[in-house]
Amino acid sequence: LGRDEKAEAEFRKDIALEPDLADNYEQLALLYNRAR
């Protein structure tokens, strides 16, 4: 939906629950890449 700040916050919350999950970092990488 293009709501990047909320997206980033949600991925960080999931990292707190699942610190060994690569997918959260992958999505953050995609988000940061899109924003340069």
All heavy atoms as atom14 arrays in JSON, in Angstrom:
{
  "sequence": "LGRDEKAEAEFRKDIALEPDLADNYEQLALLYNRAR",
  "atom14_mask": [
    [1, 1, 1, 1, 1, 1, 1, 1, 0, 0, 0, 0, 0, 0],
    [1, 1, 1, 1, 0, 0, 0, 0, 0, 0, 0, 0, 0, 0],
    [1, 1, 1, 1, 1, 1, 1, 1, 1, 1, 1, 0, 0, 0],
    [1, 1, 1, 1, 1, 1, 1, 1, 0, 0, 0, 0, 0, 0],
    [1, 1, 1, 1, 1, 1, 1, 1, 1, 0, 0, 0, 0, 0],
    [1, 1, 1, 1, 1, 1, 1, 1, 1, 0, 0, 0, 0, 0],
    [1, 1, 1, 1, 1, 0, 0, 0, 0, 0, 0, 0, 0, 0],
    [1, 1, 1, 1, 1, 1, 1, 1, 1, 0, 0, 0, 0, 0],
    [1, 1, 1, 1, 1, 0, 0, 0, 0, 0, 0, 0, 0, 0],
    [1, 1, 1, 1, 1, 1, 1, 1, 1, 0, 0, 0, 0, 0],
    [1, 1, 1, 1, 1, 1, 1, 1, 1, 1, 1, 0, 0, 0],
    [1, 1, 1, 1, 1, 1, 1, 1, 1, 1, 1, 0, 0, 0],
    [1, 1, 1, 1, 1, 1, 1, 1, 1, 0, 0, 0, 0, 0],
    [1, 1, 1, 1, 1, 1, 1, 1, 0, 0, 0, 0, 0, 0],
    [1, 1, 1, 1, 1, 1, 1, 1, 0, 0, 0, 0, 0, 0],
    [1, 1, 1, 1, 1, 0, 0, 0, 0, 0, 0, 0, 0, 0],
    [1, 1, 1, 1, 1, 1, 1, 1, 0, 0, 0, 0, 0, 0],
    [1, 1, 1, 1, 1, 1, 1, 1, 1, 0, 0, 0, 0, 0],
    [1, 1, 1, 1, 1, 1, 1, 0, 0, 0, 0, 0, 0, 0],
    [1, 1, 1, 1, 1, 1, 1, 1, 0, 0, 0, 0, 0, 0],
    [1, 1, 1, 1, 1, 1, 1, 1, 0, 0, 0, 0, 0, 0],
    [1, 1, 1, 1, 1, 0, 0, 0, 0, 0, 0, 0, 0, 0],
    [1, 1, 1, 1, 1, 1, 1, 1, 0, 0, 0, 0, 0, 0],
    [1, 1, 1, 1, 1, 1, 1, 1, 0, 0, 0, 0, 0, 0],
    [1, 1, 1, 1, 1, 1, 1, 1, 1, 1, 1, 1, 0, 0],
    [1, 1, 1, 1, 1, 1, 1, 1, 1, 0, 0, 0, 0, 0],
    [1, 1, 1, 1, 1, 1, 1, 1, 1, 0, 0, 0, 0, 0],
    [1, 1, 1, 1, 1, 1, 1, 1, 0, 0, 0, 0, 0, 0],
    [1, 1, 1, 1, 1, 0, 0, 0, 0, 0, 0, 0, 0, 0],
    [1, 1, 1, 1, 1, 1, 1, 1, 0, 0, 0, 0, 0, 0],
    [1, 1, 1, 1, 1, 1, 1, 1, 0, 0, 0, 0, 0, 0],
    [1, 1, 1, 1, 1, 1, 1, 1, 1, 1, 1, 1, 0, 0],
    [1, 1, 1, 1, 1, 1, 1, 1, 0, 0, 0, 0, 0, 0],
    [1, 1, 1, 1, 1, 1, 1, 1, 1, 1, 1, 0, 0, 0],
    [1, 1, 1, 1, 1, 0, 0, 0, 0, 0, 0, 0, 0, 0],
    [1, 1, 1, 1, 1, 1, 1, 1, 1, 1, 1, 0, 0, 0]
  ],
  "atom14_positions": [
    [[0.83, -1.21, 0.0], [0.0, 0.0, 0.0], [0.86, 1.26, 0.0], [0.33, 2.38, 0.0], [-0.92, 0.0, 1.23], [-2.05, -1.02, 1.22], [-2.76, -1.05, 2.57], [-3.06, -0.7, 0.1], [0.0, 0.0, 0.0], [0.0, 0.0, 0.0], [0.0, 0.0, 0.0], [0.0, 0.0, 0.0], [0.0, 0.0, 0.0], [0.0, 0.0, 0.0]],
    [[2.19, 1.09, 0.01], [3.08, 2.24, 0.01], [3.22, 2.91, 1.36], [3.77, 4.02, 1.45], [0.0, 0.0, 0.0], [0.0, 0.0, 0.0], [0.0, 0.0, 0.0], [0.0, 0.0, 0.0], [0.0, 0.0, 0.0], [0.0, 0.0, 0.0], [0.0, 0.0, 0.0], [0.0, 0.0, 0.0], [0.0, 0.0, 0.0], [0.0, 0.0, 0.0]],
    [[2.8, 2.24, 2.41], [2.9, 2.8, 3.77], [4.16, 2.23, 4.4], [4.14, 1.38, 5.28], [1.63, 2.46, 4.56], [0.38, 3.03, 3.91], [-0.91, 2.5, 4.5], [-1.09, 2.96, 5.88], [-2.17, 2.65, 6.62], [-3.13, 1.89, 6.09], [-2.28, 3.09, 7.85], [0.0, 0.0, 0.0], [0.0, 0.0, 0.0], [0.0, 0.0, 0.0]],
    [[5.29, 2.76, 3.94], [6.58, 2.16, 4.26], [6.94, 2.22, 5.74], [7.56, 1.29, 6.26], [7.68, 2.81, 3.41], [7.61, 2.42, 1.95], [6.71, 1.6, 1.61], [8.43, 2.89, 1.16], [0.0, 0.0, 0.0], [0.0, 0.0, 0.0], [0.0, 0.0, 0.0], [0.0, 0.0, 0.0], [0.0, 0.0, 0.0], [0.0, 0.0, 0.0]],
    [[6.59, 3.32, 6.4], [6.94, 3.43, 7.82], [6.22, 2.35, 8.64], [6.82, 1.73, 9.53], [6.61, 4.82, 8.34], [7.54, 5.91, 7.84], [7.29, 7.24, 8.51], [6.51, 7.27, 9.49], [7.85, 8.25, 8.05], [0.0, 0.0, 0.0], [0.0, 0.0, 0.0], [0.0, 0.0, 0.0], [0.0, 0.0, 0.0], [0.0, 0.0, 0.0]],
    [[4.93, 2.16, 8.36], [4.19, 1.13, 9.08], [4.72, -0.26, 8.72], [4.81, -1.14, 9.58], [2.69, 1.23, 8.78], [2.02, 2.42, 9.45], [0.51, 2.39, 9.28], [-0.12, 1.3, 10.13], [-0.04, 1.55, 11.58], [0.0, 0.0, 0.0], [0.0, 0.0, 0.0], [0.0, 0.0, 0.0], [0.0, 0.0, 0.0], [0.0, 0.0, 0.0]],
    [[5.07, -0.46, 7.45], [5.62, -1.75, 7.03], [6.91, -2.05, 7.77], [7.1, -3.16, 8.31], [5.86, -1.75, 5.52], [0.0, 0.0, 0.0], [0.0, 0.0, 0.0], [0.0, 0.0, 0.0], [0.0, 0.0, 0.0], [0.0, 0.0, 0.0], [0.0, 0.0, 0.0], [0.0, 0.0, 0.0], [0.0, 0.0, 0.0], [0.0, 0.0, 0.0]],
    [[7.8, -1.08, 7.81], [9.08, -1.27, 8.51], [8.84, -1.61, 9.98], [9.5, -2.51, 10.53], [9.93, -0.02, 8.37], [11.3, -0.13, 9.0], [12.15, 1.11, 8.8], [11.64, 2.1, 8.23], [13.33, 1.08, 9.21], [0.0, 0.0, 0.0], [0.0, 0.0, 0.0], [0.0, 0.0, 0.0], [0.0, 0.0, 0.0], [0.0, 0.0, 0.0]],
    [[7.91, -0.9, 10.62], [7.62, -1.16, 12.03], [7.11, -2.57, 12.25], [7.48, -3.24, 13.23], [6.61, -0.14, 12.54], [0.0, 0.0, 0.0], [0.0, 0.0, 0.0], [0.0, 0.0, 0.0], [0.0, 0.0, 0.0], [0.0, 0.0, 0.0], [0.0, 0.0, 0.0], [0.0, 0.0, 0.0], [0.0, 0.0, 0.0], [0.0, 0.0, 0.0]],
    [[6.27, -3.05, 11.34], [5.72, -4.41, 11.49], [6.81, -5.46, 11.31], [6.85, -6.45, 12.04], [4.58, -4.64, 10.49], [3.34, -3.8, 10.73], [2.67, -4.09, 12.07], [2.86, -5.21, 12.62], [1.96, -3.21, 12.57], [0.0, 0.0, 0.0], [0.0, 0.0, 0.0], [0.0, 0.0, 0.0], [0.0, 0.0, 0.0], [0.0, 0.0, 0.0]],
    [[7.69, -5.27, 10.35], [8.78, -6.24, 10.17], [9.67, -6.27, 11.41], [10.12, -7.33, 11.84], [9.62, -5.9, 8.93], [8.88, -6.09, 7.62], [8.93, -5.12, 6.63], [8.14, -7.24, 7.39], [8.25, -5.29, 5.44], [7.46, -7.42, 6.19], [7.51, -6.44, 5.22], [0.0, 0.0, 0.0], [0.0, 0.0, 0.0], [0.0, 0.0, 0.0]],
    [[9.92, -5.11, 12.0], [10.73, -5.06, 13.21], [10.04, -5.77, 14.37], [10.7, -6.44, 15.18], [11.03, -3.6, 13.58], [11.92, -2.86, 12.59], [13.32, -3.45, 12.56], [14.18, -2.77, 11.57], [15.39, -3.2, 11.25], [15.89, -4.29, 11.82], [16.1, -2.56, 10.35], [0.0, 0.0, 0.0], [0.0, 0.0, 0.0], [0.0, 0.0, 0.0]],
    [[8.74, -5.64, 14.46], [7.99, -6.34, 15.51], [8.1, -7.86, 15.32], [8.22, -8.6, 16.29], [6.52, -5.91, 15.5], [6.27, -4.5, 15.98], [4.8, -4.13, 15.84], [4.55, -2.67, 16.23], [3.12, -2.29, 16.04], [0.0, 0.0, 0.0], [0.0, 0.0, 0.0], [0.0, 0.0, 0.0], [0.0, 0.0, 0.0], [0.0, 0.0, 0.0]],
    [[8.03, -8.3, 14.07], [8.13, -9.75, 13.84], [9.54, -10.25, 14.11], [9.72, -11.38, 14.57], [7.71, -10.1, 12.41], [7.28, -11.55, 12.28], [6.27, -11.92, 12.9], [7.98, -12.32, 11.6], [0.0, 0.0, 0.0], [0.0, 0.0, 0.0], [0.0, 0.0, 0.0], [0.0, 0.0, 0.0], [0.0, 0.0, 0.0], [0.0, 0.0, 0.0]],
    [[10.54, -9.43, 13.84], [11.92, -9.81, 14.16], [12.06, -10.05, 15.66], [12.76, -10.97, 16.1], [12.91, -8.74, 13.68], [13.04, -8.79, 12.15], [14.28, -8.92, 14.33], [13.83, -7.65, 11.55], [0.0, 0.0, 0.0], [0.0, 0.0, 0.0], [0.0, 0.0, 0.0], [0.0, 0.0, 0.0], [0.0, 0.0, 0.0], [0.0, 0.0, 0.0]],
    [[11.36, -9.24, 16.47], [11.4, -9.43, 17.91], [10.83, -10.78, 18.32], [11.28, -11.4, 19.29], [10.64, -8.3, 18.61], [0.0, 0.0, 0.0], [0.0, 0.0, 0.0], [0.0, 0.0, 0.0], [0.0, 0.0, 0.0], [0.0, 0.0, 0.0], [0.0, 0.0, 0.0], [0.0, 0.0, 0.0], [0.0, 0.0, 0.0], [0.0, 0.0, 0.0]],
    [[9.84, -11.26, 17.56], [9.23, -12.57, 17.85], [9.99, -13.71, 17.19], [10.06, -14.82, 17.74], [7.78, -12.58, 17.36], [6.78, -11.69, 18.11], [5.45, -11.68, 17.37], [6.59, -12.19, 19.53], [0.0, 0.0, 0.0], [0.0, 0.0, 0.0], [0.0, 0.0, 0.0], [0.0, 0.0, 0.0], [0.0, 0.0, 0.0], [0.0, 0.0, 0.0]],
    [[10.53, -13.46, 16.0], [11.2, -14.5, 15.22], [12.57, -13.98, 14.76], [12.77, -13.67, 13.58], [10.34, -14.88, 14.0], [9.04, -15.56, 14.35], [9.26, -16.98, 14.84], [10.19, -17.64, 14.37], [8.5, -17.4, 15.72], [0.0, 0.0, 0.0], [0.0, 0.0, 0.0], [0.0, 0.0, 0.0], [0.0, 0.0, 0.0], [0.0, 0.0, 0.0]],
    [[13.55, -13.88, 15.66], [14.83, -13.27, 15.3], [15.63, -14.05, 14.27], [16.53, -13.49, 13.64], [15.58, -13.21, 16.64], [14.94, -14.26, 17.49], [13.49, -14.29, 17.08], [0.0, 0.0, 0.0], [0.0, 0.0, 0.0], [0.0, 0.0, 0.0], [0.0, 0.0, 0.0], [0.0, 0.0, 0.0], [0.0, 0.0, 0.0], [0.0, 0.0, 0.0]],
    [[15.32, -15.33, 14.07], [16.08, -16.14, 13.12], [15.4, -16.27, 11.76], [15.8, -17.09, 10.94], [16.3, -17.55, 13.69], [17.2, -17.53, 14.91], [18.04, -16.62, 15.0], [17.05, -18.4, 15.78], [0.0, 0.0, 0.0], [0.0, 0.0, 0.0], [0.0, 0.0, 0.0], [0.0, 0.0, 0.0], [0.0, 0.0, 0.0], [0.0, 0.0, 0.0]],
    [[14.4, -15.45, 11.5], [13.65, -15.54, 10.25], [14.24, -14.6, 9.2], [14.19, -13.38, 9.34], [12.18, -15.2, 10.49], [11.26, -15.32, 9.28], [11.12, -16.78, 8.85], [9.89, -14.73, 9.6], [0.0, 0.0, 0.0], [0.0, 0.0, 0.0], [0.0, 0.0, 0.0], [0.0, 0.0, 0.0], [0.0, 0.0, 0.0], [0.0, 0.0, 0.0]],
    [[14.81, -15.19, 8.16], [15.45, -14.39, 7.11], [14.44, -13.53, 6.35], [14.78, -12.45, 5.86], [16.2, -15.3, 6.15], [0.0, 0.0, 0.0], [0.0, 0.0, 0.0], [0.0, 0.0, 0.0], [0.0, 0.0, 0.0], [0.0, 0.0, 0.0], [0.0, 0.0, 0.0], [0.0, 0.0, 0.0], [0.0, 0.0, 0.0], [0.0, 0.0, 0.0]],
    [[13.2, -14.0, 6.24], [12.21, -13.31, 5.4], [11.98, -11.87, 5.83], [11.73, -11.0, 4.99], [10.89, -14.07, 5.42], [11.02, -15.48, 4.89], [11.6, -16.31, 5.59], [10.55, -15.74, 3.78], [0.0, 0.0, 0.0], [0.0, 0.0, 0.0], [0.0, 0.0, 0.0], [0.0, 0.0, 0.0], [0.0, 0.0, 0.0], [0.0, 0.0, 0.0]],
    [[12.0, -11.6, 7.14], [11.82, -10.23, 7.59], [12.9, -9.32, 7.04], [12.63, -8.2, 6.57], [11.83, -10.18, 9.12], [10.51, -10.61, 9.72], [9.46, -10.07, 9.4], [10.57, -11.6, 10.6], [0.0, 0.0, 0.0], [0.0, 0.0, 0.0], [0.0, 0.0, 0.0], [0.0, 0.0, 0.0], [0.0, 0.0, 0.0], [0.0, 0.0, 0.0]],
    [[14.15, -9.79, 7.09], [15.25, -8.98, 6.58], [15.2, -8.86, 5.05], [15.56, -7.82, 4.5], [16.59, -9.59, 7.03], [16.81, -9.5, 8.52], [16.67, -10.63, 9.33], [17.13, -8.29, 9.12], [16.86, -10.55, 10.7], [17.32, -8.19, 10.48], [17.19, -9.33, 11.28], [17.36, -9.24, 12.64], [0.0, 0.0, 0.0], [0.0, 0.0, 0.0]],
    [[14.72, -9.91, 4.38], [14.56, -9.82, 2.93], [13.57, -8.72, 2.57], [13.81, -7.93, 1.65], [14.05, -11.15, 2.38], [15.05, -12.28, 2.4], [14.45, -13.56, 1.87], [13.34, -13.5, 1.3], [15.06, -14.63, 2.04], [0.0, 0.0, 0.0], [0.0, 0.0, 0.0], [0.0, 0.0, 0.0], [0.0, 0.0, 0.0], [0.0, 0.0, 0.0]],
    [[12.44, -8.68, 3.28], [11.44, -7.67, 2.99], [11.93, -6.26, 3.33], [11.65, -5.31, 2.6], [10.14, -7.98, 3.74], [9.45, -9.25, 3.27], [9.13, -9.24, 1.79], [8.47, -8.33, 1.3], [9.61, -10.24, 1.07], [0.0, 0.0, 0.0], [0.0, 0.0, 0.0], [0.0, 0.0, 0.0], [0.0, 0.0, 0.0], [0.0, 0.0, 0.0]],
    [[12.67, -6.14, 4.42], [13.27, -4.84, 4.74], [14.24, -4.42, 3.63], [14.29, -3.24, 3.25], [13.99, -4.91, 6.08], [13.1, -4.89, 7.33], [13.94, -5.17, 8.57], [12.37, -3.55, 7.46], [0.0, 0.0, 0.0], [0.0, 0.0, 0.0], [0.0, 0.0, 0.0], [0.0, 0.0, 0.0], [0.0, 0.0, 0.0], [0.0, 0.0, 0.0]],
    [[15.01, -5.38, 3.12], [15.95, -5.07, 2.04], [15.2, -4.57, 0.8], [15.6, -3.6, 0.16], [16.79, -6.31, 1.7], [0.0, 0.0, 0.0], [0.0, 0.0, 0.0], [0.0, 0.0, 0.0], [0.0, 0.0, 0.0], [0.0, 0.0, 0.0], [0.0, 0.0, 0.0], [0.0, 0.0, 0.0], [0.0, 0.0, 0.0], [0.0, 0.0, 0.0]],
    [[14.09, -5.24, 0.47], [13.28, -4.81, -0.68], [12.71, -3.42, -0.45], [12.68, -2.58, -1.35], [12.15, -5.81, -0.93], [12.57, -7.19, -1.43], [11.4, -8.17, -1.34], [13.09, -7.11, -2.86], [0.0, 0.0, 0.0], [0.0, 0.0, 0.0], [0.0, 0.0, 0.0], [0.0, 0.0, 0.0], [0.0, 0.0, 0.0], [0.0, 0.0, 0.0]],
    [[12.25, -3.17, 0.77], [11.67, -1.87, 1.11], [12.73, -0.78, 1.02], [12.51, 0.28, 0.4], [11.06, -1.94, 2.51], [10.26, -0.74, 3.02], [9.22, -1.21, 4.03], [11.16, 0.31, 3.67], [0.0, 0.0, 0.0], [0.0, 0.0, 0.0], [0.0, 0.0, 0.0], [0.0, 0.0, 0.0], [0.0, 0.0, 0.0], [0.0, 0.0, 0.0]],
    [[13.9, -1.01, 1.62], [14.97, -0.02, 1.59], [15.49, 0.19, 0.17], [15.84, 1.31, -0.23], [16.12, -0.45, 2.5], [15.77, -0.51, 3.96], [16.34, -1.49, 4.79], [14.88, 0.39, 4.54], [16.04, -1.56, 6.14], [14.58, 0.32, 5.9], [15.16, -0.65, 6.69], [14.85, -0.71, 8.02], [0.0, 0.0, 0.0], [0.0, 0.0, 0.0]],
    [[15.55, -0.89, -0.6], [16.01, -0.79, -1.99], [15.07, 0.1, -2.79], [15.52, 0.94, -3.58], [16.09, -2.18, -2.62], [16.48, -2.13, -4.08], [17.57, -1.72, -4.44], [15.55, -2.54, -4.94], [0.0, 0.0, 0.0], [0.0, 0.0, 0.0], [0.0, 0.0, 0.0], [0.0, 0.0, 0.0], [0.0, 0.0, 0.0], [0.0, 0.0, 0.0]],
    [[13.78, -0.08, -2.58], [12.79, 0.72, -3.3], [12.93, 2.21, -2.96], [12.73, 3.08, -3.81], [11.38, 0.23, -2.94], [10.28, 0.89, -3.73], [8.96, 0.19, -3.5], [8.46, 0.38, -2.14], [7.37, -0.21, -1.66], [6.7, -1.08, -2.43], [6.95, 0.03, -0.44], [0.0, 0.0, 0.0], [0.0, 0.0, 0.0], [0.0, 0.0, 0.0]],
    [[13.29, 2.49, -1.71], [13.45, 3.87, -1.26], [14.86, 4.41, -1.5], [15.15, 5.54, -1.11], [13.1, 3.97, 0.22], [0.0, 0.0, 0.0], [0.0, 0.0, 0.0], [0.0, 0.0, 0.0], [0.0, 0.0, 0.0], [0.0, 0.0, 0.0], [0.0, 0.0, 0.0], [0.0, 0.0, 0.0], [0.0, 0.0, 0.0], [0.0, 0.0, 0.0]],
    [[15.73, 3.58, -2.12], [17.13, 3.94, -2.38], [17.87, 4.25, -1.06], [18.78, 5.09, -1.04], [17.23, 5.13, -3.33], [16.59, 4.88, -4.7], [17.3, 3.76, -5.44], [16.7, 3.44, -6.72], [17.12, 3.96, -7.89], [18.13, 4.8, -7.9], [16.53, 3.62, -9.02], [0.0, 0.0, 0.0], [0.0, 0.0, 0.0], [0.0, 0.0, 0.0]]
  ]
}
